[in-house]
Amino acid sequence: MAWFWLIIGGLFEVGFTTSLRFVDGFRNLPWTLAFLVSVALSMGLLEYAARSIPMGTAYAVWAGIGAIGTVVVGMLWFGEPATTLRALLILGIVGCIAGLKLTTA
């Protein structure tokens, strides 16, 4: 169950990085609240998952999910380049995350 919560925490990391784009120096209240809620949930779920998963593994997986999700959001909604090389690099991160999962007791 810890892996499930870690994945959800990683998705909330995508939420806070996406929200950060719109906070406008923390003057845009709805986006600032979305950012703060996402950060709190993301960090809380990382902490909870790290009780059962080694911290280094948990952090690397959490950060990888956040990085992949943020890149995908950027490509889909913000017009960032969606090149073959970027896709291959994302697959590399996915492979590393899967390797960490498979090598963790």
C-alpha atoms as a PDB file:
ATOM      1  CA  MET A   1       0.000   0.000   0.000  1.00  0.00           C
ATOM      2  CA  ALA A   2       2.976   2.328   0.583  1.00  0.00           C
ATOM      3  CA  TRP A   3       3.777   2.254  -3.134  1.00  0.00           C
ATOM      4  CA  PHE A   4       0.231   3.341  -3.952  1.00  0.00           C
ATOM      5  CA  TRP A   5       0.514   6.348  -1.622  1.00  0.00           C
ATOM      6  CA  LEU A   6       3.940   7.179  -3.005  1.00  0.00           C
ATOM      7  CA  ILE A   7       2.533   7.279  -6.545  1.00  0.00           C
ATOM      8  CA  ILE A   8      -0.360   9.493  -5.421  1.00  0.00           C
ATOM      9  CA  GLY A   9       2.154  11.761  -3.667  1.00  0.00           C
ATOM     10  CA  GLY A  10       4.147  11.981  -6.899  1.00  0.00           C
ATOM     11  CA  LEU A  11       0.998  13.010  -8.752  1.00  0.00           C
ATOM     12  CA  PHE A  12       0.388  15.759  -6.213  1.00  0.00           C
ATOM     13  CA  GLU A  13       3.946  16.895  -6.918  1.00  0.00           C
ATOM     14  CA  VAL A  14       2.851  17.409 -10.513  1.00  0.00           C
ATOM     15  CA  GLY A  15      -0.049  19.428  -9.092  1.00  0.00           C
ATOM     16  CA  PHE A  16       2.189  21.733  -7.111  1.00  0.00           C
ATOM     17  CA  THR A  17       4.675  22.282  -9.924  1.00  0.00           C
ATOM     18  CA  THR A  18       1.835  23.050 -12.324  1.00  0.00           C
ATOM     19  CA  SER A  19       0.148  25.365  -9.805  1.00  0.00           C
ATOM     20  CA  LEU A  20       3.447  27.157  -9.253  1.00  0.00           C
ATOM     21  CA  ARG A  21       3.269  28.361 -12.848  1.00  0.00           C
ATOM     22  CA  PHE A  22       0.141  30.382 -12.026  1.00  0.00           C
ATOM     23  CA  VAL A  23       0.671  31.691  -8.465  1.00  0.00           C
ATOM     24  CA  ASP A  24       1.973  35.055  -9.758  1.00  0.00           C
ATOM     25  CA  GLY A  25       4.208  35.785  -6.806  1.00  0.00           C
ATOM     26  CA  PHE A  26       1.613  34.163  -4.528  1.00  0.00           C
ATOM     27  CA  ARG A  27      -0.858  36.939  -5.388  1.00  0.00           C
ATOM     28  CA  ASN A  28      -3.269  34.628  -7.242  1.00  0.00           C
ATOM     29  CA  LEU A  29      -5.118  33.155  -4.262  1.00  0.00           C
ATOM     30  CA  PRO A  30      -6.859  30.144  -5.906  1.00  0.00           C
ATOM     31  CA  TRP A  31      -3.618  28.924  -7.490  1.00  0.00           C
ATOM     32  CA  THR A  32      -1.655  29.667  -4.326  1.00  0.00           C
ATOM     33  CA  LEU A  33      -4.111  27.543  -2.335  1.00  0.00           C
ATOM     34  CA  ALA A  34      -3.873  24.771  -4.939  1.00  0.00           C
ATOM     35  CA  PHE A  35      -0.087  24.950  -4.656  1.00  0.00           C
ATOM     36  CA  LEU A  36      -0.103  24.818  -0.839  1.00  0.00           C
ATOM     37  CA  VAL A  37      -2.602  21.946  -0.670  1.00  0.00           C
ATOM     38  CA  SER A  38      -0.690  19.984  -3.321  1.00  0.00           C
ATOM     39  CA  VAL A  39       2.650  20.535  -1.555  1.00  0.00           C
ATOM     40  CA  ALA A  40       1.211  19.451   1.801  1.00  0.00           C
ATOM     41  CA  LEU A  41      -0.408  16.324   0.382  1.00  0.00           C
ATOM     42  CA  SER A  42       2.611  15.436  -1.736  1.00  0.00           C
ATOM     43  CA  MET A  43       5.097  15.778   1.119  1.00  0.00           C
ATOM     44  CA  GLY A  44       2.776  14.085   3.587  1.00  0.00           C
ATOM     45  CA  LEU A  45       2.317  11.089   1.319  1.00  0.00           C
ATOM     46  CA  LEU A  46       6.059  10.889   0.666  1.00  0.00           C
ATOM     47  CA  GLU A  47       6.677  10.862   4.413  1.00  0.00           C
ATOM     48  CA  TYR A  48       4.012   8.202   4.942  1.00  0.00           C
ATOM     49  CA  ALA A  49       5.360   5.970   2.162  1.00  0.00           C
ATOM     50  CA  ALA A  50       8.941   6.370   3.425  1.00  0.00           C
ATOM     51  CA  ARG A  51       7.933   4.641   6.647  1.00  0.00           C
ATOM     52  CA  SER A  52       7.825   1.373   4.660  1.00  0.00           C
ATOM     53  CA  ILE A  53       9.994   2.104   1.623  1.00  0.00           C
ATOM     54  CA  PRO A  54      13.674   3.060   1.996  1.00  0.00           C
ATOM     55  CA  MET A  55      13.883   6.867   1.974  1.00  0.00           C
ATOM     56  CA  GLY A  56      16.316   7.085  -0.942  1.00  0.00           C
ATOM     57  CA  THR A  57      14.128   4.853  -3.072  1.00  0.00           C
ATOM     58  CA  ALA A  58      10.930   6.638  -2.032  1.00  0.00           C
ATOM     59  CA  TYR A  59      12.385  10.052  -2.784  1.00  0.00           C
ATOM     60  CA  ALA A  60      13.814   9.019  -6.156  1.00  0.00           C
ATOM     61  CA  VAL A  61      10.518   7.469  -7.240  1.00  0.00           C
ATOM     62  CA  TRP A  62       8.492  10.449  -5.958  1.00  0.00           C
ATOM     63  CA  ALA A  63      10.775  12.929  -7.720  1.00  0.00           C
ATOM     64  CA  GLY A  64      10.771  10.839 -10.903  1.00  0.00           C
ATOM     65  CA  ILE A  65       6.981  10.723 -11.019  1.00  0.00           C
ATOM     66  CA  GLY A  66       6.889  14.464 -10.453  1.00  0.00           C
ATOM     67  CA  ALA A  67       9.496  15.126 -13.137  1.00  0.00           C
ATOM     68  CA  ILE A  68       7.813  12.913 -15.717  1.00  0.00           C
ATOM     69  CA  GLY A  69       4.375  14.285 -14.943  1.00  0.00           C
ATOM     70  CA  THR A  70       5.564  17.875 -15.068  1.00  0.00           C
ATOM     71  CA  VAL A  71       7.270  17.344 -18.439  1.00  0.00           C
ATOM     72  CA  VAL A  72       4.134  15.681 -19.836  1.00  0.00           C
ATOM     73  CA  VAL A  73       1.897  18.507 -18.543  1.00  0.00           C
ATOM     74  CA  GLY A  74       4.287  20.993 -20.133  1.00  0.00           C
ATOM     75  CA  MET A  75       4.112  19.218 -23.472  1.00  0.00           C
ATOM     76  CA  LEU A  76       0.340  18.705 -23.455  1.00  0.00           C
ATOM     77  CA  TRP A  77      -0.852  22.042 -22.073  1.00  0.00           C
ATOM     78  CA  PHE A  78       1.953  24.573 -22.339  1.00  0.00           C
ATOM     79  CA  GLY A  79       3.375  23.944 -25.788  1.00  0.00           C
ATOM     80  CA  GLU A  80       6.732  22.594 -24.695  1.00  0.00           C
ATOM     81  CA  PRO A  81       8.510  20.531 -27.357  1.00  0.00           C
ATOM     82  CA  ALA A  82       7.437  16.893 -27.647  1.00  0.00           C
ATOM     83  CA  THR A  83      10.416  15.405 -29.438  1.00  0.00           C
ATOM     84  CA  THR A  84      11.518  11.831 -29.843  1.00  0.00           C
ATOM     85  CA  LEU A  85      14.575  12.515 -27.712  1.00  0.00           C
ATOM     86  CA  ARG A  86      12.424  13.876 -24.859  1.00  0.00           C
ATOM     87  CA  ALA A  87      10.190  10.804 -25.084  1.00  0.00           C
ATOM     88  CA  LEU A  88      13.214   8.513 -24.909  1.00  0.00           C
ATOM     89  CA  LEU A  89      14.596  10.387 -21.911  1.00  0.00           C
ATOM     90  CA  ILE A  90      11.222  10.087 -20.156  1.00  0.00           C
ATOM     91  CA  LEU A  91      11.272   6.350 -20.850  1.00  0.00           C
ATOM     92  CA  GLY A  92      14.737   6.267 -19.274  1.00  0.00           C
ATOM     93  CA  ILE A  93      13.348   7.813 -16.083  1.00  0.00           C
ATOM     94  CA  VAL A  94      10.459   5.328 -16.120  1.00  0.00           C
ATOM     95  CA  GLY A  95      12.966   2.498 -16.466  1.00  0.00           C
ATOM     96  CA  CYS A  96      14.968   3.787 -13.509  1.00  0.00           C
ATOM     97  CA  ILE A  97      11.825   4.080 -11.366  1.00  0.00           C
ATOM     98  CA  ALA A  98      10.802   0.529 -12.305  1.00  0.00           C
ATOM     99  CA  GLY A  99      14.321  -0.692 -11.484  1.00  0.00           C
ATOM    100  CA  LEU A 100      14.184   0.918  -8.050  1.00  0.00           C
ATOM    101  CA  LYS A 101      10.789  -0.681  -7.400  1.00  0.00           C
ATOM    102  CA  LEU A 102      12.042  -4.102  -8.485  1.00  0.00           C
ATOM    103  CA  THR A 103      15.184  -3.927  -6.350  1.00  0.00           C
ATOM    104  CA  THR A 104      13.486  -2.759  -3.155  1.00  0.00           C
ATOM    105  CA  ALA A 105      12.551  -5.434  -0.675  1.00  0.00           C
END
